[in-house]
Structures are given as structure tokens and as C-alpha cells.
């Protein structure tokens, strides 16, 4: 990501942060609307899950200009998500729900350029998480064999 894209993501996230709880609720409502089967992957308090989501997003957004430091944590997050039965195709739905949520939260301020920057950031992080999930599954299969 280039510095301008990172700046767009950071500035827009600062605008969403004050409405983090509402944004998280919108995100999960949209996620489950897009794929109702994903609801089965969540067993705890959804308000708490939303807080965790927003905290992780904040860490990721703030680390975009230090990807070499951020990547190991994101990869580890992907490893943990493998245990929750998150599959590669779920990342498509999550990305769609995230961009939709940002559009709702930011309204007309969520420009096409900003959306493209967020999409790039999301897919960069998602691919890193997927790599971590593959690592976890490979380790698991070695232990089973």
C-alpha cells in the first residue's frame, strides 16, 4: 500500500471509531444477512465480539505503515481463526460486509478512492490471515499423521 492509501484508511477509521459499537453491530448484521450460516461460527456475546473486531481493526489500521511488524500478528490471528472453522471463502463475505459497513458509517465521505484503499488494506490483511490458517492446518495434519 502506498502512503496515500494508508492515510485514507487511517483518516476514515478515525471517523468510524466514535461509533465503533454501532459499526460493529451493522457489520455483523450485514455479515449474517450475506451468509446466515456464518452465525454458527459465533458463540459468545456479540457486543463483546464487536469490541474485539473494532480493536483488531484499530491495531491493523494503525500498523499499515509498519507491515513487517503487523504481519506476524495478523498471521497468528489467521492461525487462531482456522480453529474456529473459518474458510477462505468466508473472507470474501467479511470483506463485502466491511466495505458496506464503512459506506454506511461514513456516508458520502466514503469515496471510491477511500473504498479502493480499504479494499486493498483488507485483502492484504486477509491474505496474511489465510496464510496463517494454512500454516495451522498444515501443523494440525502433521500432528494427526
N, C-alpha and C. Protein backbone atom coordinates (compact mmCIF):
# COMPACT_ATOMS: atom_id res chain seq x y z
N UNK A 1 0.85 -1.18 0.00
CA UNK A 1 0.00 0.00 0.00
C UNK A 1 0.89 1.24 0.00
N UNK A 2 0.43 2.24 -0.70
CA UNK A 2 1.22 3.47 -0.72
C UNK A 2 0.78 4.38 0.43
N UNK A 3 1.60 5.39 0.74
CA UNK A 3 1.29 6.27 1.89
C UNK A 3 -0.07 6.97 1.77
N UNK A 4 -0.48 7.33 0.57
CA UNK A 4 -1.78 7.99 0.41
C UNK A 4 -2.93 7.04 0.77
N UNK A 5 -2.85 5.80 0.31
CA UNK A 5 -3.88 4.80 0.64
C UNK A 5 -3.93 4.57 2.15
N UNK A 6 -2.77 4.45 2.76
CA UNK A 6 -2.71 4.24 4.21
C UNK A 6 -3.35 5.43 4.93
N UNK A 7 -3.05 6.62 4.47
CA UNK A 7 -3.63 7.82 5.07
C UNK A 7 -5.15 7.83 4.95
N UNK A 8 -5.67 7.47 3.79
CA UNK A 8 -7.12 7.41 3.60
C UNK A 8 -7.78 6.43 4.58
N UNK A 9 -7.16 5.28 4.74
CA UNK A 9 -7.70 4.27 5.66
C UNK A 9 -7.66 4.79 7.09
N UNK A 10 -6.55 5.37 7.48
CA UNK A 10 -6.41 5.86 8.86
C UNK A 10 -7.39 6.99 9.16
N UNK A 11 -7.49 7.95 8.25
CA UNK A 11 -8.39 9.09 8.46
C UNK A 11 -9.84 8.62 8.56
N UNK A 12 -10.23 7.71 7.67
CA UNK A 12 -11.62 7.24 7.69
C UNK A 12 -11.91 6.40 8.93
N UNK A 13 -10.92 5.62 9.37
CA UNK A 13 -11.15 4.82 10.57
C UNK A 13 -11.31 5.71 11.79
N UNK A 14 -10.59 6.82 11.85
CA UNK A 14 -10.75 7.77 12.96
C UNK A 14 -12.17 8.30 13.02
N UNK A 15 -12.81 8.40 11.87
CA UNK A 15 -14.19 8.90 11.83
C UNK A 15 -15.19 7.82 12.25
N UNK A 16 -14.83 6.58 12.07
CA UNK A 16 -15.71 5.46 12.45
C UNK A 16 -15.52 5.12 13.94
N UNK A 17 -14.33 5.33 14.47
CA UNK A 17 -14.02 4.93 15.84
C UNK A 17 -15.03 5.43 16.88
N UNK A 18 -15.52 6.67 16.78
CA UNK A 18 -16.50 7.13 17.78
C UNK A 18 -17.83 6.36 17.75
N UNK A 19 -18.13 5.72 16.65
CA UNK A 19 -19.37 4.93 16.55
C UNK A 19 -19.03 3.44 16.42
N UNK A 20 -17.95 3.03 17.08
CA UNK A 20 -17.44 1.67 16.93
C UNK A 20 -18.49 0.60 17.26
N UNK A 21 -19.23 0.79 18.34
CA UNK A 21 -20.23 -0.22 18.72
C UNK A 21 -21.31 -0.35 17.66
N UNK A 22 -21.79 0.79 17.16
CA UNK A 22 -22.82 0.76 16.12
C UNK A 22 -22.26 0.16 14.82
N UNK A 23 -21.02 0.52 14.51
CA UNK A 23 -20.39 -0.01 13.29
C UNK A 23 -20.25 -1.52 13.38
N UNK A 24 -19.83 -2.01 14.53
CA UNK A 24 -19.69 -3.46 14.71
C UNK A 24 -21.04 -4.16 14.58
N UNK A 25 -22.08 -3.58 15.17
CA UNK A 25 -23.41 -4.17 15.07
C UNK A 25 -23.88 -4.19 13.61
N UNK A 26 -23.65 -3.10 12.90
CA UNK A 26 -24.00 -3.05 11.47
C UNK A 26 -23.24 -4.12 10.69
N UNK A 27 -21.94 -4.23 10.99
CA UNK A 27 -21.10 -5.21 10.30
C UNK A 27 -21.65 -6.62 10.48
N UNK A 28 -21.90 -7.02 11.71
CA UNK A 28 -22.36 -8.39 11.95
C UNK A 28 -23.76 -8.63 11.38
N UNK A 29 -24.61 -7.64 11.46
CA UNK A 29 -25.94 -7.79 10.85
C UNK A 29 -25.80 -8.02 9.35
N UNK A 30 -24.95 -7.25 8.71
CA UNK A 30 -24.75 -7.40 7.27
C UNK A 30 -24.07 -8.74 6.95
N UNK A 31 -23.09 -9.12 7.75
CA UNK A 31 -22.39 -10.39 7.54
C UNK A 31 -23.37 -11.56 7.57
N UNK A 32 -24.24 -11.57 8.57
CA UNK A 32 -25.18 -12.68 8.71
C UNK A 32 -26.30 -12.60 7.68
N UNK A 33 -26.57 -11.41 7.18
CA UNK A 33 -27.52 -11.26 6.09
C UNK A 33 -26.94 -11.85 4.80
N UNK A 34 -25.66 -11.58 4.57
CA UNK A 34 -24.99 -12.08 3.36
C UNK A 34 -24.81 -13.60 3.41
N UNK A 35 -24.51 -14.13 4.60
CA UNK A 35 -24.30 -15.57 4.74
C UNK A 35 -24.78 -16.01 6.12
N UNK A 36 -26.06 -16.37 6.23
CA UNK A 36 -26.62 -16.75 7.53
C UNK A 36 -25.88 -17.91 8.20
N UNK A 37 -25.24 -18.77 7.42
CA UNK A 37 -24.52 -19.90 8.00
C UNK A 37 -23.34 -19.46 8.86
N UNK A 38 -22.82 -18.27 8.63
CA UNK A 38 -21.70 -17.77 9.43
C UNK A 38 -22.08 -17.54 10.89
N UNK A 39 -23.35 -17.35 11.14
CA UNK A 39 -23.82 -17.13 12.52
C UNK A 39 -23.39 -18.28 13.43
N UNK A 40 -23.32 -19.49 12.87
CA UNK A 40 -22.95 -20.67 13.65
C UNK A 40 -21.51 -20.60 14.18
N UNK A 41 -20.67 -19.77 13.57
CA UNK A 41 -19.28 -19.67 14.00
C UNK A 41 -19.10 -18.79 15.23
N UNK A 42 -20.16 -18.10 15.63
CA UNK A 42 -20.09 -17.16 16.75
C UNK A 42 -20.93 -17.68 17.91
N UNK A 43 -20.28 -17.87 19.06
CA UNK A 43 -20.98 -18.48 20.19
C UNK A 43 -21.07 -17.57 21.40
N UNK A 44 -20.32 -16.50 21.41
CA UNK A 44 -20.29 -15.64 22.59
C UNK A 44 -21.16 -14.42 22.46
N UNK A 45 -20.91 -13.49 23.35
CA UNK A 45 -21.60 -12.21 23.38
C UNK A 45 -21.20 -11.41 22.15
N UNK A 46 -22.17 -11.07 21.31
CA UNK A 46 -21.87 -10.37 20.06
C UNK A 46 -21.40 -8.94 20.30
N UNK A 47 -21.82 -8.31 21.38
CA UNK A 47 -21.32 -6.97 21.69
C UNK A 47 -19.82 -7.05 21.99
N UNK A 48 -19.44 -8.06 22.75
CA UNK A 48 -18.01 -8.27 23.05
C UNK A 48 -17.24 -8.63 21.78
N UNK A 49 -17.83 -9.45 20.96
CA UNK A 49 -17.20 -9.81 19.67
C UNK A 49 -17.00 -8.55 18.83
N UNK A 50 -17.97 -7.67 18.83
CA UNK A 50 -17.87 -6.42 18.09
C UNK A 50 -16.73 -5.55 18.60
N UNK A 51 -16.57 -5.51 19.93
CA UNK A 51 -15.47 -4.74 20.51
C UNK A 51 -14.13 -5.32 20.09
N UNK A 52 -14.04 -6.64 20.09
CA UNK A 52 -12.79 -7.30 19.66
C UNK A 52 -12.50 -6.99 18.19
N UNK A 53 -13.54 -7.03 17.37
CA UNK A 53 -13.39 -6.70 15.95
C UNK A 53 -12.84 -5.29 15.78
N UNK A 54 -13.43 -4.35 16.47
CA UNK A 54 -13.01 -2.95 16.32
C UNK A 54 -11.61 -2.74 16.88
N UNK A 55 -11.26 -3.44 17.95
CA UNK A 55 -9.90 -3.34 18.49
C UNK A 55 -8.89 -3.90 17.49
N UNK A 56 -9.22 -5.03 16.88
CA UNK A 56 -8.32 -5.63 15.90
C UNK A 56 -8.19 -4.73 14.67
N UNK A 57 -9.31 -4.16 14.24
CA UNK A 57 -9.25 -3.23 13.12
C UNK A 57 -8.36 -2.03 13.45
N UNK A 58 -8.49 -1.52 14.66
CA UNK A 58 -7.66 -0.37 15.07
C UNK A 58 -6.18 -0.74 15.03
N UNK A 59 -5.84 -1.91 15.55
CA UNK A 59 -4.44 -2.35 15.52
C UNK A 59 -3.95 -2.49 14.08
N UNK A 60 -4.79 -3.08 13.24
CA UNK A 60 -4.39 -3.28 11.84
C UNK A 60 -4.23 -1.95 11.12
N UNK A 61 -5.19 -1.07 11.29
CA UNK A 61 -5.14 0.24 10.62
C UNK A 61 -3.90 1.00 11.08
N UNK A 62 -3.66 1.01 12.37
CA UNK A 62 -2.51 1.74 12.90
C UNK A 62 -1.18 1.10 12.51
N UNK A 63 -1.20 -0.16 12.13
CA UNK A 63 0.04 -0.85 11.74
C UNK A 63 0.29 -0.91 10.25
N UNK A 64 -0.59 -0.33 9.45
CA UNK A 64 -0.43 -0.43 8.00
C UNK A 64 0.88 0.16 7.49
N UNK A 65 1.41 1.14 8.18
CA UNK A 65 2.67 1.71 7.73
C UNK A 65 3.87 0.98 8.33
N UNK A 66 3.61 -0.10 9.05
CA UNK A 66 4.67 -0.95 9.61
C UNK A 66 4.28 -2.42 9.37
N UNK A 67 4.08 -2.77 8.13
CA UNK A 67 3.58 -4.11 7.80
C UNK A 67 4.50 -5.22 8.30
N UNK A 68 5.80 -4.97 8.32
CA UNK A 68 6.73 -6.00 8.77
C UNK A 68 6.50 -6.34 10.25
N UNK A 69 6.00 -5.39 11.01
CA UNK A 69 5.67 -5.62 12.42
C UNK A 69 4.26 -6.19 12.56
N UNK A 70 3.35 -5.74 11.72
CA UNK A 70 1.95 -6.15 11.79
C UNK A 70 1.73 -7.58 11.28
N UNK A 71 2.44 -7.96 10.23
CA UNK A 71 2.17 -9.24 9.56
C UNK A 71 2.22 -10.46 10.50
N UNK A 72 3.20 -10.59 11.39
CA UNK A 72 3.19 -11.78 12.26
C UNK A 72 1.95 -11.87 13.15
N UNK A 73 1.46 -10.73 13.65
CA UNK A 73 0.26 -10.75 14.48
C UNK A 73 -0.97 -11.13 13.66
N UNK A 74 -1.04 -10.64 12.44
CA UNK A 74 -2.18 -10.96 11.56
C UNK A 74 -2.12 -12.43 11.16
N UNK A 75 -0.93 -12.92 10.90
CA UNK A 75 -0.77 -14.34 10.56
C UNK A 75 -1.21 -15.21 11.73
N UNK A 76 -0.83 -14.82 12.95
CA UNK A 76 -1.24 -15.57 14.14
C UNK A 76 -2.76 -15.53 14.32
N UNK A 77 -3.36 -14.40 14.02
CA UNK A 77 -4.82 -14.29 14.07
C UNK A 77 -5.45 -15.28 13.08
N UNK A 78 -4.87 -15.40 11.91
CA UNK A 78 -5.35 -16.37 10.93
C UNK A 78 -5.22 -17.80 11.44
N UNK A 79 -4.14 -18.07 12.14
CA UNK A 79 -3.96 -19.42 12.72
C UNK A 79 -5.07 -19.71 13.72
N UNK A 80 -5.41 -18.72 14.56
CA UNK A 80 -6.49 -18.91 15.54
C UNK A 80 -7.83 -19.09 14.84
N UNK A 81 -8.06 -18.35 13.77
CA UNK A 81 -9.33 -18.45 13.06
C UNK A 81 -9.52 -19.81 12.39
N UNK A 82 -8.43 -20.48 12.07
CA UNK A 82 -8.55 -21.83 11.50
C UNK A 82 -9.24 -22.76 12.50
N UNK A 83 -8.95 -22.57 13.77
CA UNK A 83 -9.58 -23.39 14.82
C UNK A 83 -11.07 -23.11 14.94
N UNK A 84 -11.50 -21.93 14.47
CA UNK A 84 -12.92 -21.57 14.52
C UNK A 84 -13.65 -22.02 13.25
N UNK A 85 -12.95 -22.74 12.38
CA UNK A 85 -13.51 -23.27 11.13
C UNK A 85 -13.79 -22.18 10.09
N UNK A 86 -13.02 -21.11 10.16
CA UNK A 86 -13.12 -20.06 9.14
C UNK A 86 -12.43 -20.58 7.88
N UNK A 87 -13.14 -20.48 6.76
CA UNK A 87 -12.61 -20.95 5.48
C UNK A 87 -12.28 -19.75 4.59
N UNK A 88 -11.47 -20.00 3.58
CA UNK A 88 -11.04 -18.92 2.68
C UNK A 88 -12.21 -18.13 2.11
N UNK A 89 -13.27 -18.83 1.73
CA UNK A 89 -14.40 -18.12 1.11
C UNK A 89 -15.12 -17.18 2.08
N UNK A 90 -14.97 -17.41 3.37
CA UNK A 90 -15.59 -16.51 4.35
C UNK A 90 -14.98 -15.11 4.27
N UNK A 91 -13.72 -15.04 3.86
CA UNK A 91 -13.06 -13.73 3.77
C UNK A 91 -13.72 -12.84 2.73
N UNK A 92 -14.26 -13.43 1.68
CA UNK A 92 -14.98 -12.63 0.67
C UNK A 92 -16.19 -11.95 1.30
N UNK A 93 -16.94 -12.72 2.06
CA UNK A 93 -18.15 -12.20 2.69
C UNK A 93 -17.80 -11.14 3.74
N UNK A 94 -16.76 -11.41 4.51
CA UNK A 94 -16.33 -10.44 5.52
C UNK A 94 -15.90 -9.13 4.85
N UNK A 95 -15.15 -9.23 3.76
CA UNK A 95 -14.72 -8.03 3.04
C UNK A 95 -15.90 -7.23 2.52
N UNK A 96 -16.87 -7.93 1.96
CA UNK A 96 -18.07 -7.26 1.47
C UNK A 96 -18.82 -6.56 2.60
N UNK A 97 -18.96 -7.25 3.73
CA UNK A 97 -19.67 -6.67 4.88
C UNK A 97 -18.89 -5.48 5.45
N UNK A 98 -17.58 -5.57 5.47
CA UNK A 98 -16.76 -4.47 6.00
C UNK A 98 -16.90 -3.22 5.13
N UNK A 99 -16.77 -3.38 3.82
CA UNK A 99 -16.88 -2.22 2.93
C UNK A 99 -18.28 -1.62 2.99
N UNK A 100 -19.29 -2.46 3.07
CA UNK A 100 -20.67 -1.98 3.19
C UNK A 100 -20.83 -1.18 4.48
N UNK A 101 -20.30 -1.72 5.58
CA UNK A 101 -20.40 -1.05 6.87
C UNK A 101 -19.71 0.31 6.84
N UNK A 102 -18.53 0.36 6.26
CA UNK A 102 -17.82 1.64 6.16
C UNK A 102 -18.61 2.63 5.33
N UNK A 103 -19.23 2.15 4.27
CA UNK A 103 -20.07 3.02 3.45
C UNK A 103 -21.24 3.57 4.23
N UNK A 104 -21.86 2.73 5.04
CA UNK A 104 -22.99 3.18 5.86
C UNK A 104 -22.52 4.16 6.93
N UNK A 105 -21.40 3.85 7.58
CA UNK A 105 -20.91 4.68 8.66
C UNK A 105 -20.37 6.03 8.21
N UNK A 106 -19.75 6.06 7.04
CA UNK A 106 -19.14 7.30 6.56
C UNK A 106 -20.00 8.06 5.56
N UNK A 107 -21.00 7.40 5.03
CA UNK A 107 -21.89 8.06 4.07
C UNK A 107 -21.11 8.58 2.87
N UNK A 108 -21.44 9.80 2.41
CA UNK A 108 -20.81 10.34 1.20
C UNK A 108 -19.30 10.56 1.35
N UNK A 109 -18.80 10.57 2.58
CA UNK A 109 -17.35 10.72 2.77
C UNK A 109 -16.60 9.46 2.33
N UNK A 110 -17.31 8.34 2.20
CA UNK A 110 -16.68 7.09 1.77
C UNK A 110 -16.60 7.09 0.25
N UNK A 111 -15.58 7.79 -0.24
CA UNK A 111 -15.40 7.97 -1.69
C UNK A 111 -14.92 6.68 -2.34
N UNK A 112 -14.98 6.64 -3.65
CA UNK A 112 -14.49 5.48 -4.39
C UNK A 112 -13.01 5.25 -4.11
N UNK A 113 -12.26 6.34 -4.00
CA UNK A 113 -10.83 6.22 -3.70
C UNK A 113 -10.60 5.62 -2.32
N UNK A 114 -11.41 6.05 -1.36
CA UNK A 114 -11.31 5.53 0.00
C UNK A 114 -11.72 4.06 0.04
N UNK A 115 -12.77 3.73 -0.68
CA UNK A 115 -13.21 2.34 -0.74
C UNK A 115 -12.12 1.46 -1.34
N UNK A 116 -11.47 1.93 -2.39
CA UNK A 116 -10.39 1.16 -3.01
C UNK A 116 -9.22 0.96 -2.03
N UNK A 117 -8.91 2.00 -1.26
CA UNK A 117 -7.83 1.90 -0.27
C UNK A 117 -8.19 0.87 0.80
N UNK A 118 -9.43 0.91 1.27
CA UNK A 118 -9.87 -0.06 2.28
C UNK A 118 -9.86 -1.47 1.70
N UNK A 119 -10.32 -1.62 0.48
CA UNK A 119 -10.32 -2.95 -0.15
C UNK A 119 -8.90 -3.49 -0.23
N UNK A 120 -7.98 -2.64 -0.62
CA UNK A 120 -6.59 -3.09 -0.72
C UNK A 120 -6.05 -3.48 0.66
N UNK A 121 -6.31 -2.66 1.67
CA UNK A 121 -5.86 -2.97 3.02
C UNK A 121 -6.49 -4.28 3.50
N UNK A 122 -7.79 -4.42 3.29
CA UNK A 122 -8.47 -5.63 3.75
C UNK A 122 -7.88 -6.87 3.09
N UNK A 123 -7.70 -6.85 1.79
CA UNK A 123 -7.22 -8.04 1.10
C UNK A 123 -5.78 -8.37 1.46
N UNK A 124 -4.99 -7.36 1.72
CA UNK A 124 -3.63 -7.59 2.19
C UNK A 124 -3.65 -8.33 3.52
N UNK A 125 -4.48 -7.85 4.43
CA UNK A 125 -4.61 -8.49 5.74
C UNK A 125 -5.27 -9.87 5.64
N UNK A 126 -6.28 -9.98 4.80
CA UNK A 126 -6.99 -11.26 4.64
C UNK A 126 -6.05 -12.33 4.08
N UNK A 127 -5.25 -11.97 3.10
CA UNK A 127 -4.31 -12.95 2.52
C UNK A 127 -3.29 -13.39 3.56
N UNK A 128 -2.89 -12.48 4.43
CA UNK A 128 -1.95 -12.82 5.50
C UNK A 128 -2.62 -13.75 6.51
N UNK A 129 -3.88 -13.48 6.83
CA UNK A 129 -4.62 -14.36 7.74
C UNK A 129 -4.81 -15.74 7.11
N UNK A 130 -5.12 -15.78 5.83
CA UNK A 130 -5.32 -17.07 5.16
C UNK A 130 -4.03 -17.88 5.18
N UNK A 131 -2.89 -17.21 5.01
CA UNK A 131 -1.60 -17.91 5.08
C UNK A 131 -1.40 -18.50 6.47
N UNK A 132 -1.77 -17.75 7.50
CA UNK A 132 -1.68 -18.26 8.86
C UNK A 132 -2.60 -19.45 9.08
N UNK A 133 -3.79 -19.39 8.53
CA UNK A 133 -4.73 -20.51 8.65
C UNK A 133 -4.18 -21.76 7.96
N UNK A 134 -3.58 -21.56 6.78
CA UNK A 134 -2.97 -22.71 6.08
C UNK A 134 -1.84 -23.31 6.92
N UNK A 135 -1.05 -22.45 7.57
CA UNK A 135 0.02 -22.94 8.45
C UNK A 135 -0.57 -23.78 9.59
N UNK A 136 -1.64 -23.28 10.18
CA UNK A 136 -2.27 -24.00 11.29
C UNK A 136 -2.79 -25.36 10.84
N UNK A 137 -3.42 -25.39 9.68
CA UNK A 137 -3.96 -26.65 9.17
C UNK A 137 -2.84 -27.63 8.82
N UNK A 138 -1.73 -27.12 8.29
CA UNK A 138 -0.59 -27.97 7.97
C UNK A 138 0.01 -28.55 9.24
N UNK A 139 0.14 -27.74 10.28
CA UNK A 139 0.66 -28.23 11.56
C UNK A 139 -0.27 -29.29 12.14
N UNK A 140 -1.57 -29.02 12.06
CA UNK A 140 -2.56 -29.95 12.59
C UNK A 140 -2.47 -31.29 11.86
N UNK A 141 -2.34 -31.25 10.54
CA UNK A 141 -2.30 -32.51 9.78
C UNK A 141 -1.02 -33.27 10.06
N UNK A 142 0.08 -32.59 10.38
CA UNK A 142 1.33 -33.28 10.74
C UNK A 142 1.18 -33.99 12.08
N UNK A 143 0.43 -33.35 12.99
CA UNK A 143 0.23 -33.95 14.31
C UNK A 143 -0.72 -35.14 14.26
N UNK A 144 -1.64 -35.11 13.32
CA UNK A 144 -2.61 -36.20 13.17
C UNK A 144 -1.97 -37.40 12.50
N UNK A 145 -1.08 -37.12 11.55
CA UNK A 145 -0.45 -38.20 10.75
C UNK A 145 0.49 -39.05 11.51
